[in-house]
Protein backbone atom coordinates (compact mmCIF):
# COMPACT_ATOMS: atom_id res chain seq x y z
CA MET A 1 92.08 92.46 101.18
CA SER A 2 92.92 89.81 103.73
CA PHE A 3 93.52 89.40 107.43
CA ALA A 4 96.26 87.27 108.92
CA ARG A 5 95.22 83.71 109.64
CA LEU A 6 94.05 83.14 113.17
CA SER A 7 95.81 79.78 113.47
CA PRO A 8 98.95 78.25 112.00
CA ILE A 9 98.60 76.59 108.64
CA ALA A 10 98.93 72.85 108.39
CA ARG A 11 102.53 71.71 108.23
CA ARG A 12 103.71 70.60 104.80
CA PRO A 13 106.65 68.35 104.11
CA TYR A 14 109.61 70.46 103.15
CA ALA A 15 110.10 70.42 99.42
CA THR A 16 113.50 70.55 97.86
CA LEU A 17 114.49 73.23 95.37
CA SER A 18 113.44 70.78 92.68
CA GLY A 19 109.85 71.64 93.59
CA LEU A 20 110.33 75.13 92.14
CA SER A 21 110.25 75.87 88.44
CA GLN A 22 113.55 76.20 86.62
CA THR A 23 112.92 79.92 86.24
CA ALA A 24 112.30 80.38 89.98
CA ARG A 25 115.09 78.22 91.38
CA PRO A 26 118.06 80.56 90.68
CA TRP A 27 116.24 83.46 92.34
CA ALA A 28 115.45 81.39 95.43
CA GLU A 29 119.10 80.43 95.81
CA LYS A 30 120.26 84.00 95.26
CA LEU A 31 117.86 85.48 97.82
CA SER A 32 118.83 82.90 100.44
CA ALA A 33 122.53 83.55 99.92
CA GLU A 34 122.51 87.34 99.82
CA TRP A 35 119.97 88.56 102.39
CA LYS A 36 120.13 88.26 106.16
CA GLY A 37 116.50 88.20 107.23
CA THR A 38 114.69 86.20 104.58
CA HIS A 39 115.06 82.76 103.04
CA ALA A 40 113.67 80.99 99.99
CA THR A 41 115.26 77.53 100.22
CA GLY A 42 113.79 76.23 103.46
CA GLY A 43 115.46 78.32 106.20
CA ASN A 44 113.72 80.55 108.72
CA THR A 45 112.62 84.17 108.38
CA LYS A 46 114.02 86.26 111.23
CA ASN A 47 112.78 89.07 113.41
CA TYR A 48 114.50 92.43 112.98
CA ILE A 49 114.91 94.05 116.39
CA GLY A 50 117.19 96.89 117.39
CA GLY A 51 119.19 96.71 114.17
CA GLU A 52 119.79 92.94 114.38
CA PHE A 53 118.29 90.05 112.44
CA VAL A 54 117.37 87.71 115.25
CA GLU A 55 116.35 84.05 115.12
CA SER A 56 113.02 83.74 116.91
CA LYS A 57 112.46 81.46 119.87
CA ALA A 58 108.86 80.96 118.74
CA THR A 59 107.06 77.66 119.27
CA VAL A 60 104.55 78.37 116.50
CA TRP A 61 105.77 78.75 112.91
CA HIS A 62 103.95 79.33 109.63
CA ASP A 63 105.02 77.94 106.27
CA VAL A 64 105.52 80.46 103.47
CA VAL A 65 104.63 78.67 100.26
CA ASP A 66 105.23 79.37 96.58
CA PRO A 67 101.61 79.61 95.34
CA SER A 68 102.59 78.26 91.91
CA THR A 69 103.97 74.95 93.17
CA GLN A 70 103.17 74.66 96.93
CA THR A 71 106.91 74.47 97.64
CA VAL A 72 107.75 75.61 101.16
CA LEU A 73 110.18 78.53 100.86
CA THR A 74 110.68 79.53 104.48
CA ARG A 75 109.09 79.45 107.91
CA VAL A 76 107.95 82.65 109.59
CA PRO A 77 107.63 82.81 113.39
CA GLU A 78 104.75 83.82 115.57
CA THR A 79 106.90 86.42 117.34
CA THR A 80 106.94 85.75 121.07
CA THR A 81 105.69 88.20 123.67
CA THR A 82 109.24 88.79 124.88
CA GLU A 83 110.49 89.45 121.35
CA PHE A 84 107.61 91.85 120.67
CA GLU A 85 108.41 93.77 123.86
CA GLN A 86 112.04 93.94 122.79
CA ALA A 87 111.01 95.40 119.42
CA VAL A 88 108.82 98.07 121.01
CA ASP A 89 111.53 98.87 123.56
CA ALA A 90 114.10 99.22 120.78
CA ALA A 91 111.78 101.59 118.95
CA SER A 92 111.14 103.57 122.14
CA GLN A 93 114.83 103.96 122.87
CA ALA A 94 115.63 104.91 119.27
CA TYR A 95 112.89 107.53 119.29
CA LYS A 96 114.72 109.51 121.98
CA THR A 97 117.56 110.29 119.59
CA TRP A 98 115.96 109.90 116.15
CA SER A 99 113.23 112.43 116.92
CA ARG A 100 115.95 114.95 117.79
CA GLN A 101 117.84 114.43 114.55
CA SER A 102 117.64 117.35 112.16
CA VAL A 103 115.17 117.16 109.31
CA LEU A 104 118.17 117.23 106.96
CA SER A 105 119.55 114.05 108.54
CA ARG A 106 116.21 112.31 108.15
CA GLN A 107 115.99 113.52 104.57
CA ARG A 108 119.40 112.00 103.82
CA PHE A 109 118.08 108.62 104.91
CA ALA A 110 115.21 108.87 102.41
CA ILE A 111 117.58 109.93 99.65
CA GLU A 112 119.80 106.93 100.23
CA LEU A 113 116.86 104.54 100.66
CA GLN A 114 115.51 105.37 97.21
CA ASN A 115 118.96 104.67 95.81
CA GLN A 116 119.15 101.33 97.60
CA ILE A 117 115.69 100.31 96.38
CA ARG A 118 116.58 101.12 92.79
CA GLN A 119 119.76 99.06 93.03
CA ASN A 120 117.97 96.10 94.60
CA ALA A 121 114.59 96.21 92.87
CA GLY A 122 115.32 92.86 91.23
CA ALA A 123 115.72 91.09 94.57
CA LEU A 124 112.56 92.68 95.95
CA ALA A 125 110.57 91.73 92.86
CA ALA A 126 111.89 88.16 92.86
CA SER A 127 110.90 87.71 96.50
CA ILE A 128 107.39 88.92 95.67
CA VAL A 129 107.06 86.52 92.74
CA LEU A 130 108.21 83.57 94.85
CA GLU A 131 106.08 84.25 97.92
CA GLN A 132 103.06 86.10 96.55
CA GLY A 133 102.78 84.71 93.01
CA LYS A 134 102.73 87.94 91.02
CA THR A 135 104.33 88.07 87.62
CA LEU A 136 107.78 89.62 87.55
CA ALA A 137 106.52 92.76 85.79
CA ASP A 138 103.73 93.17 88.35
CA ALA A 139 106.19 92.66 91.21
CA HIS A 140 108.39 95.44 89.82
CA GLY A 141 105.28 97.62 89.76
CA ASP A 142 104.69 96.81 93.43
CA VAL A 143 108.22 98.02 94.21
CA LEU A 144 107.93 101.10 92.00
CA ARG A 145 104.76 102.39 93.61
CA GLY A 146 106.43 102.10 96.99
CA LEU A 147 109.57 103.77 95.67
CA GLN A 148 107.49 106.75 94.57
CA VAL A 149 106.46 107.31 98.20
CA VAL A 150 110.11 107.22 99.24
CA GLU A 151 110.96 109.78 96.58
CA THR A 152 108.14 112.04 97.74
CA ALA A 153 109.33 111.70 101.35
CA ILE A 154 112.61 113.28 100.27
CA GLY A 155 110.69 116.57 100.08
CA ILE A 156 110.18 116.55 103.86
CA THR A 157 112.21 119.76 104.25
CA SER A 158 109.36 121.54 102.47
CA THR A 159 106.33 119.50 103.53
CA LEU A 160 107.17 119.69 107.25
CA LEU A 161 107.28 123.48 107.30
CA GLY A 162 105.24 125.02 110.11
CA ASP A 163 103.43 128.35 110.45
CA LYS A 164 104.40 131.49 112.35
CA ILE A 165 102.85 134.91 112.64
CA GLU A 166 103.22 137.94 114.90
CA VAL A 167 99.79 138.08 116.55
CA SER A 168 100.47 141.19 118.61
CA LYS A 169 103.35 143.57 119.17
CA ASP A 170 106.38 141.42 120.02
CA MET A 171 104.13 138.34 120.45
CA ASP A 172 104.46 135.39 118.04
CA THR A 173 102.39 132.23 117.60
CA GLU A 174 104.17 129.31 115.95
CA VAL A 175 102.77 125.93 114.93
CA ARG A 176 105.21 123.04 114.42
CA LYS A 177 104.58 119.48 113.31
CA VAL A 178 106.24 117.12 115.78
CA PRO A 179 106.43 113.29 115.72
CA LEU A 180 104.10 111.03 117.67
CA GLY A 181 106.56 108.44 118.97
CA VAL A 182 106.51 104.71 118.27
CA CYS A 183 104.14 103.80 115.43
CA ALA A 184 103.10 100.46 113.93
CA SER A 185 102.33 99.26 110.43
CA ILE A 186 100.34 96.11 109.62
CA ALA A 187 100.77 95.16 105.97
CA PRO A 188 98.73 92.84 103.71
CA PHE A 189 99.84 89.99 101.49
CA ASN A 190 98.86 91.57 98.18
CA PHE A 191 101.44 94.39 98.19
CA PRO A 192 104.37 93.09 100.25
CA ALA A 193 106.73 95.91 99.19
CA MET A 194 104.45 98.83 98.41
CA ILE A 195 102.58 98.99 101.72
CA PRO A 196 105.69 98.84 103.95
CA LEU A 197 107.07 101.62 101.73
CA TRP A 198 103.89 103.64 102.27
CA THR A 199 104.70 103.73 105.97
CA ILE A 200 108.44 103.35 106.66
CA PRO A 201 109.63 106.52 104.89
CA MET A 202 106.71 108.66 106.06
CA ALA A 203 107.13 107.59 109.68
CA ALA A 204 110.92 107.96 109.62
CA VAL A 205 111.28 111.36 107.95
CA THR A 206 108.75 112.86 110.36
CA GLY A 207 110.86 111.68 113.31
CA ASN A 208 108.94 108.60 114.43
CA THR A 209 110.09 105.03 114.93
CA LEU A 210 108.21 102.03 113.60
CA VAL A 211 107.28 98.43 114.36
CA LEU A 212 106.28 96.69 111.12
CA LYS A 213 104.30 93.46 110.90
CA PRO A 214 104.26 92.15 107.33
CA SER A 215 101.87 89.45 106.23
CA GLU A 216 102.93 86.04 107.46
CA ARG A 217 102.19 84.78 103.94
CA ASP A 218 104.94 86.79 102.20
CA PRO A 219 107.32 88.59 104.60
CA GLY A 220 110.40 88.42 102.38
CA ALA A 221 110.12 91.84 100.76
CA ALA A 222 109.70 93.53 104.14
CA MET A 223 112.84 91.83 105.44
CA ILE A 224 114.82 93.00 102.41
CA ILE A 225 113.50 96.54 102.90
CA ALA A 226 114.59 96.44 106.55
CA GLU A 227 118.11 95.54 105.43
CA LEU A 228 118.03 98.33 102.83
CA CYS A 229 117.06 100.77 105.60
CA GLU A 230 120.10 99.62 107.54
CA ARG A 231 122.33 100.10 104.48
CA SER A 232 120.83 103.57 104.07
CA GLY A 233 122.15 104.64 107.45
CA LEU A 234 118.96 104.34 109.49
CA PRO A 235 119.98 103.98 113.16
CA ALA A 236 119.24 100.73 114.99
CA GLY A 237 115.73 100.56 116.42
CA VAL A 238 114.11 103.13 114.15
CA VAL A 239 112.53 100.30 112.12
CA ASN A 240 111.81 96.89 113.63
CA VAL A 241 110.05 93.91 112.05
CA VAL A 242 107.95 91.36 113.95
CA HIS A 243 105.80 88.55 112.61
CA GLY A 244 102.65 86.64 113.37
CA THR A 245 98.89 86.61 113.18
CA ALA A 246 96.12 87.70 115.55
CA SER A 247 98.21 87.64 118.75
CA THR A 248 100.81 89.98 117.27
CA VAL A 249 98.11 92.27 115.89
CA ASN A 250 96.43 92.45 119.30
CA ALA A 251 99.76 93.19 120.97
CA ILE A 252 100.19 96.13 118.61
CA CYS A 253 96.70 97.40 119.38
CA ASP A 254 97.21 97.10 123.14
CA HIS A 255 100.78 98.26 123.75
CA PRO A 256 100.76 101.66 125.51
CA ALA A 257 104.00 102.79 123.87
CA ILE A 258 102.55 102.54 120.35
CA LYS A 259 100.84 105.80 119.42
CA ALA A 260 99.52 105.13 115.90
CA ILE A 261 98.65 102.16 113.69
CA SER A 262 98.55 102.06 109.90
CA PHE A 263 96.66 99.09 108.48
CA VAL A 264 95.85 97.81 105.00
CA GLY A 265 93.81 94.63 104.73
CA GLY A 266 90.32 93.16 104.94
CA ASP A 267 87.13 94.46 106.51
CA ARG A 268 87.00 92.18 109.54
CA ALA A 269 90.60 92.83 110.52
CA GLY A 270 90.31 96.53 109.78
CA ARG A 271 87.28 97.00 112.01
CA HIS A 272 88.91 94.98 114.79
CA ILE A 273 92.16 96.95 114.65
CA TYR A 274 90.39 100.30 114.41
CA GLU A 275 88.06 99.60 117.33
CA ARG A 276 90.69 98.01 119.55
CA GLY A 277 93.38 100.53 118.70
CA THR A 278 91.24 103.63 119.12
CA SER A 279 89.76 102.30 122.35
CA ASN A 280 93.35 102.28 123.62
CA GLY A 281 93.82 105.91 122.61
CA LYS A 282 95.76 105.27 119.38
CA ARG A 283 95.49 107.05 116.08
CA VAL A 284 94.45 104.47 113.45
CA GLN A 285 94.16 104.58 109.67
CA ALA A 286 92.61 101.48 108.10
CA ASN A 287 92.26 100.86 104.37
CA MET A 288 89.95 97.90 103.86
CA GLY A 289 87.85 96.22 101.18
CA ALA A 290 86.51 97.59 97.91
CA LYS A 291 84.15 96.99 95.02
CA ASN A 292 85.28 99.37 92.30
CA HIS A 293 83.01 100.08 89.33
CA ALA A 294 83.82 101.15 85.79
CA VAL A 295 81.00 102.79 83.85
CA LEU A 296 81.18 102.21 80.11
CA MET A 297 79.23 104.76 78.06
CA SER A 298 78.30 104.11 74.45
CA ASP A 299 80.26 107.16 73.26
CA ALA A 300 83.51 105.89 74.80
CA ASN A 301 86.63 105.13 72.79
CA LYS A 302 85.82 101.45 72.48
CA ASN A 303 89.33 100.09 72.14
CA LEU A 304 90.70 102.20 75.01
CA ALA A 305 87.75 101.36 77.25
CA LEU A 306 87.77 97.60 76.69
CA ASN A 307 91.54 97.25 77.04
CA SER A 308 91.53 99.42 80.15
CA ILE A 309 88.76 97.42 81.81
CA ILE A 310 90.40 94.09 80.98
CA GLY A 311 93.69 95.43 82.30
CA ALA A 312 92.22 96.83 85.51
CA ALA A 313 90.18 93.71 86.25
CA PHE A 314 92.79 91.10 85.32
CA GLY A 315 96.01 92.57 83.99
CA GLY A 316 96.35 96.14 85.23
CA LYS A 317 97.16 98.09 82.04
CA ALA A 318 96.29 101.44 83.57
CA PHE A 319 98.06 100.69 86.81
CA PHE A 320 101.29 100.13 84.95
CA SER A 321 100.91 102.73 82.20
CA TYR A 322 100.42 105.22 85.04
CA THR A 323 103.75 104.22 86.51
CA PHE A 324 105.88 102.65 83.81
CA ARG A 325 104.46 104.83 81.00
CA LYS A 326 103.85 101.74 78.92
CA SER A 327 100.92 101.47 76.57
CA GLU A 328 100.79 97.71 76.32
CA LEU A 329 98.81 95.41 78.55
CA CYS A 330 100.79 94.62 81.68
CA PRO A 331 100.18 91.96 84.33
CA SER A 332 98.47 92.18 87.69
CA ALA A 333 98.02 90.33 90.98
CA ALA A 334 95.19 88.11 89.65
CA GLY A 335 92.63 90.65 90.83
CA GLN A 336 94.04 90.66 94.38
CA ARG A 337 94.17 94.40 94.92
CA CYS A 338 91.76 96.85 96.48
CA MET A 339 91.72 99.14 93.43
CA ALA A 340 91.00 96.45 90.84
CA ILE A 341 87.95 97.07 88.68
CA SER A 342 85.68 94.24 89.79
CA VAL A 343 82.39 95.55 88.32
CA VAL A 344 81.74 97.03 84.89
CA VAL A 345 78.44 98.85 84.34
CA LEU A 346 77.44 98.76 80.67
CA VAL A 347 75.17 101.71 79.91
CA GLY A 348 72.65 101.69 77.08
CA THR A 349 73.94 100.39 73.77
CA ALA A 350 77.38 99.72 75.30
CA GLN A 351 75.78 96.48 76.51
CA SER A 352 76.37 95.13 73.01
CA TRP A 353 80.14 95.30 73.65
CA LEU A 354 80.03 92.42 76.15
CA PRO A 355 81.00 89.69 73.62
CA GLU A 356 84.14 91.58 72.64
CA LEU A 357 85.01 92.17 76.29
CA ILE A 358 84.78 88.40 76.84
CA GLU A 359 86.98 87.58 73.84
CA ARG A 360 89.71 89.96 74.96
CA ALA A 361 89.71 88.46 78.45
CA ARG A 362 89.86 84.96 76.98
CA LYS A 363 93.23 85.76 75.37
CA LEU A 364 94.98 86.51 78.68
CA GLN A 365 97.80 84.13 79.61
CA VAL A 366 97.85 82.59 83.09
CA ASN A 367 101.20 81.18 84.17
CA GLY A 368 103.92 81.11 86.82
CA GLY A 369 105.24 84.52 87.75
CA PHE A 370 108.70 84.10 86.23
CA GLU A 371 107.40 82.78 82.90
CA ASN A 372 107.61 84.99 79.83
CA GLY A 373 104.28 86.21 78.51
CA ALA A 374 102.31 85.65 81.71
CA ASP A 375 99.51 88.19 82.20
CA PHE A 376 98.83 87.07 85.75
CA GLY A 377 99.75 84.27 88.11
CA PRO A 378 98.14 82.25 90.92
CA LEU A 379 96.12 83.34 93.90
CA ILE A 380 97.96 83.52 97.22
CA SER A 381 96.67 80.25 98.73
CA PRO A 382 94.43 77.22 98.18
CA SER A 383 91.88 78.73 100.57
CA ALA A 384 91.79 81.94 98.53
CA LYS A 385 91.21 79.87 95.40
CA SER A 386 88.39 77.95 97.07
CA ARG A 387 86.73 81.17 98.19
CA VAL A 388 86.83 82.65 94.69
CA GLU A 389 85.46 79.43 93.22
CA ARG A 390 82.62 79.48 95.75
CA LEU A 391 81.66 83.05 94.83
CA ILE A 392 81.74 82.21 91.12
CA SER A 393 79.46 79.24 91.74
CA SER A 394 77.04 81.40 93.72
CA ALA A 395 76.32 83.42 90.58
CA THR A 396 74.81 80.41 88.82
CA GLU A 397 72.85 79.44 91.92
CA GLU A 398 71.33 82.94 92.08
CA GLY A 399 70.46 83.19 88.40
CA GLY A 400 73.55 84.86 87.00
CA ARG A 401 75.35 83.83 83.85
CA ILE A 402 79.00 82.85 83.67
CA HIS A 403 80.23 83.91 80.23
CA LEU A 404 83.89 83.02 80.85
CA ASP A 405 84.73 80.44 83.52
CA GLY A 406 88.30 80.22 84.84
CA ARG A 407 87.70 77.62 87.54
CA ARG A 408 88.96 74.62 85.61
CA ILE A 409 92.04 76.16 84.06
CA THR A 410 95.15 74.01 83.72
CA VAL A 411 98.60 75.60 83.57
CA PRO A 412 101.28 73.39 81.98
CA GLY A 413 104.18 72.79 84.34
CA TYR A 414 102.23 73.99 87.38
CA PRO A 415 99.74 71.27 88.32
CA ASN A 416 99.58 72.32 91.98
CA GLY A 417 99.25 76.07 91.54
CA ASN A 418 96.41 78.17 92.93
CA PHE A 419 95.33 79.26 89.48
CA ILE A 420 91.99 80.64 88.36
CA GLY A 421 91.63 81.94 84.83
CA PRO A 422 89.89 85.16 83.83
CA THR A 423 86.20 84.94 84.67
CA ILE A 424 83.32 87.16 83.54
CA ILE A 425 79.90 86.94 85.21
CA GLU A 426 76.73 88.72 84.13
CA ALA A 427 74.83 89.46 87.32
CA THR A 428 72.49 91.79 89.16
CA THR A 429 73.19 93.94 92.19
CA THR A 430 71.26 91.58 94.47
CA MET A 431 73.70 88.71 93.99
CA GLN A 432 76.47 87.64 96.35
CA CYS A 433 79.11 87.89 93.61
CA TYR A 434 78.25 91.58 93.31
CA HIS A 435 78.08 92.45 97.00
CA GLU A 436 81.17 90.62 98.25
CA GLU A 437 84.73 91.55 97.42
CA ILE A 438 85.85 88.52 95.41
CA PHE A 439 89.58 89.35 95.36
CA GLY A 440 90.35 87.27 92.33
CA PRO A 441 90.41 87.48 88.51
CA VAL A 442 86.63 87.88 88.27
CA LEU A 443 84.78 90.71 86.51
CA THR A 444 81.10 91.15 87.29
CA VAL A 445 79.02 92.79 84.56
CA VAL A 446 75.81 94.68 85.32
CA SER A 447 73.62 96.71 82.99
CA ALA A 448 72.10 100.16 83.29
CA ASP A 449 69.80 102.07 80.96
CA THR A 450 71.18 105.53 81.77
CA LEU A 451 74.07 107.29 83.50
CA ASP A 452 71.71 108.13 86.36
CA ASP A 453 71.00 104.43 86.83
CA ALA A 454 74.74 103.68 86.85
CA LEU A 455 75.32 106.38 89.48
CA ASP A 456 72.54 104.93 91.64
CA ILE A 457 74.21 101.51 91.48
CA ILE A 458 77.63 102.84 92.54
CA ASN A 459 76.34 105.16 95.23
CA ALA A 460 74.25 102.40 96.82
CA ASN A 461 77.30 100.16 97.15
CA HIS A 462 78.83 99.76 100.60
CA TYR A 463 82.36 100.47 99.41
CA GLY A 464 83.91 103.70 98.19
CA ASN A 465 87.53 103.31 97.18
CA GLY A 466 87.17 104.28 93.53
CA ALA A 467 85.19 104.34 90.31
CA ALA A 468 85.86 105.15 86.68
CA ILE A 469 83.91 106.30 83.66
CA PHE A 470 84.75 105.91 79.98
CA THR A 471 83.23 108.59 77.78
CA GLN A 472 84.18 111.20 75.23
CA SER A 473 81.68 113.70 76.61
CA GLY A 474 83.03 116.32 78.98
CA ALA A 475 79.54 117.00 80.26
CA THR A 476 78.97 113.32 81.06
CA ALA A 477 82.33 113.13 82.82
CA ARG A 478 81.53 116.28 84.82
CA LYS A 479 78.17 114.90 85.95
CA PHE A 480 79.80 111.63 86.97
CA GLU A 481 82.61 113.33 88.88
CA THR A 482 80.15 115.57 90.71
CA GLU A 483 77.55 113.01 91.67
CA VAL A 484 79.44 109.75 92.26
CA ASN A 485 80.11 108.99 95.93
CA VAL A 486 83.56 107.42 95.98
CA GLY A 487 86.90 108.82 97.02
CA GLN A 488 88.99 108.29 93.87
CA ILE A 489 87.59 108.90 90.40
CA GLY A 490 88.99 108.04 87.00
CA VAL A 491 87.86 109.64 83.76
CA ASN A 492 89.12 107.34 81.00
CA VAL A 493 91.57 106.05 83.64
CA PRO A 494 90.49 102.72 85.16
CA ILE A 495 92.61 102.61 88.33
CA PRO A 496 92.76 106.18 89.63
CA VAL A 497 95.26 105.58 92.43
CA PRO A 498 96.75 109.00 93.26
CA LEU A 499 100.47 109.39 93.03
CA PRO A 500 102.12 110.09 96.39
CA MET A 501 102.30 113.87 96.10
CA PHE A 502 98.56 113.58 96.64
CA ALA A 503 96.93 111.31 99.23
CA TRP A 504 94.86 108.14 99.25
CA SER A 505 91.22 109.18 99.53
CA GLY A 506 88.92 106.15 99.57
CA ASN A 507 85.68 106.58 101.50
CA LYS A 508 82.50 104.92 102.77
CA GLY A 509 83.01 101.30 103.88
CA SER A 510 86.49 101.09 102.39
CA VAL A 511 88.18 103.10 105.15
CA LEU A 512 88.18 103.77 108.87
CA GLY A 513 89.96 106.78 110.27
CA ASP A 514 89.92 110.27 108.85
CA ILE A 515 93.57 110.74 107.86
CA GLY A 516 94.71 109.12 104.61
CA PHE A 517 97.92 107.42 103.52
CA TYR A 518 100.99 109.24 102.16
CA GLY A 519 101.10 112.75 100.65
CA LYS A 520 100.04 115.62 102.89
CA SER A 521 97.69 113.30 104.75
CA GLY A 522 100.61 110.98 105.52
CA ILE A 523 102.55 113.86 107.05
CA ASN A 524 99.51 114.75 109.16
CA PHE A 525 98.99 111.14 110.27
CA TYR A 526 102.53 110.80 111.60
CA THR A 527 102.70 114.19 113.30
CA GLN A 528 100.84 116.28 115.82
CA ASN A 529 100.74 120.04 116.02
CA LYS A 530 102.56 121.86 118.78
CA THR A 531 101.60 125.52 119.13
CA THR A 532 103.80 128.00 121.00
CA THR A 533 102.88 131.60 121.78
CA SER A 534 105.80 133.67 123.01
CA LEU A 535 106.38 137.27 124.11
CA TRP A 536 109.81 138.84 123.81
CA ARG A 537 109.52 142.59 124.25
CA ALA A 538 112.01 144.53 122.17
CA GLU A 539 112.38 147.21 124.83
CA ASP A 540 113.64 144.58 127.30
CA ALA A 541 116.63 143.77 125.10
CA VAL A 542 119.99 143.88 126.86
CA GLY A 543 123.06 145.53 125.41
CA ASN A 544 121.34 148.72 124.23
CA ARG A 545 123.37 151.87 123.98
CA ALA A 546 123.48 153.96 127.18
CA SER A 547 121.15 156.93 127.23
CA VAL A 548 122.41 160.37 128.41
CA ASN A 549 119.01 162.03 128.31
CA MET A 550 117.41 163.47 131.46
CA PRO A 551 115.11 160.82 132.96
CA THR A 552 111.43 161.77 132.98
CA LEU A 553 108.32 160.32 134.55
CA ASN A 554 106.46 159.97 131.23
């Protein structure tokens, strides 16, 4: 995952709408006309502070560019210090009343928000395609996985229940979950709707207020979500949106009013935010990089295994079948997600399946996100493309073999897009392409003689988000599940992302902080326990009937 750029990108000449494809142009016009905070035809993206979409007075602006054509869609501000303080102050003031709202009132907000997201999923998805480059189907998946967290948050009347017991005669001890205060969320570019929806509903239903900083590369979905929160009856100041890069991130880490930070992104940024935030006394959860392995055993269902691995590395079949309940291959974010399968370990005679794996990957269609039949689209930026190309080249330099090379792909109608085609590299675990998170449509293939060897490879890896195994042996699956050291395990499921009634559970170098995202962990992250022990003696009750008995000294 990525960190915000530390300096503004080079200014580009503003393109006209003619720079967009014919399939993208109507959506850009529609988004610009219908939404207050975002723009896709050259206007500015606004801050959202205290319930108002506010034009920034920033002196530094960043271009948001369609990665398929390099057309400038909007400019996003480097939110000023004054504007940031206004956002935190609005959240602080709103907390005084929002935290005292009944849990039923907060639940009603979540109920209406899920309705608003369903009604406006098309706009959210279109914004993601324009700014991030995903295919339309993948963008809808981005929205859906966020929506599922909203739907789970509706159960707050049950999940926020406390504990109470009579510990002695007439003495009770009660534990309640109470909100923290003002919280912050720093979102990445690769899931511009899902990650804000991991945090906004969980923070709000537990009684907190939130300052959200979306990626400066694709803020449009977050701005639409902010407006949907407003339409859902969320009071002014409960959610605020600011923009920027390192200076805004540091302001979040340093501000004394902010009590907790939720971050999804790259390793360098995650470590910085965790260390700076916790040193300032904040609770921090940071989900960072990954290198997820799929182990392919020779007894696996070959067709299921190969399609699943191709989908999880390039097209995301399992990700979407898990959510949309589709069986066909569905598109993905060109490998730009922290749960993509980026390494396949071929065990024993399964190594002979490599040629068929290559041929299936070769058939994938790379195109603009709005085009019919596209399996995946461009990378987010030219610099991301250059980085992926460099890591592919390193494999040859270190003795690896590139079986399928996507570096020189041409996409008709999109000569300036950040496209890389599906790439398959045969490598060893000592190579740079194995160790580094590539974050592109690249699958690294390594070989192992036995399951034990495959387990050694995975467990020695720095990262621990997830791993999968394909086998028809229950005993093999049990051994893998027991001995593999990652947080999320798939058995014949390539992308084992838990649905939001559970909690995200990556481990090792993929996370910092000990409280996970959403589910029960999400409730715990956004609350703190308050324990009250009280004594109310029954015999001291007033209004008892008068006694006519002779008083005694007993």
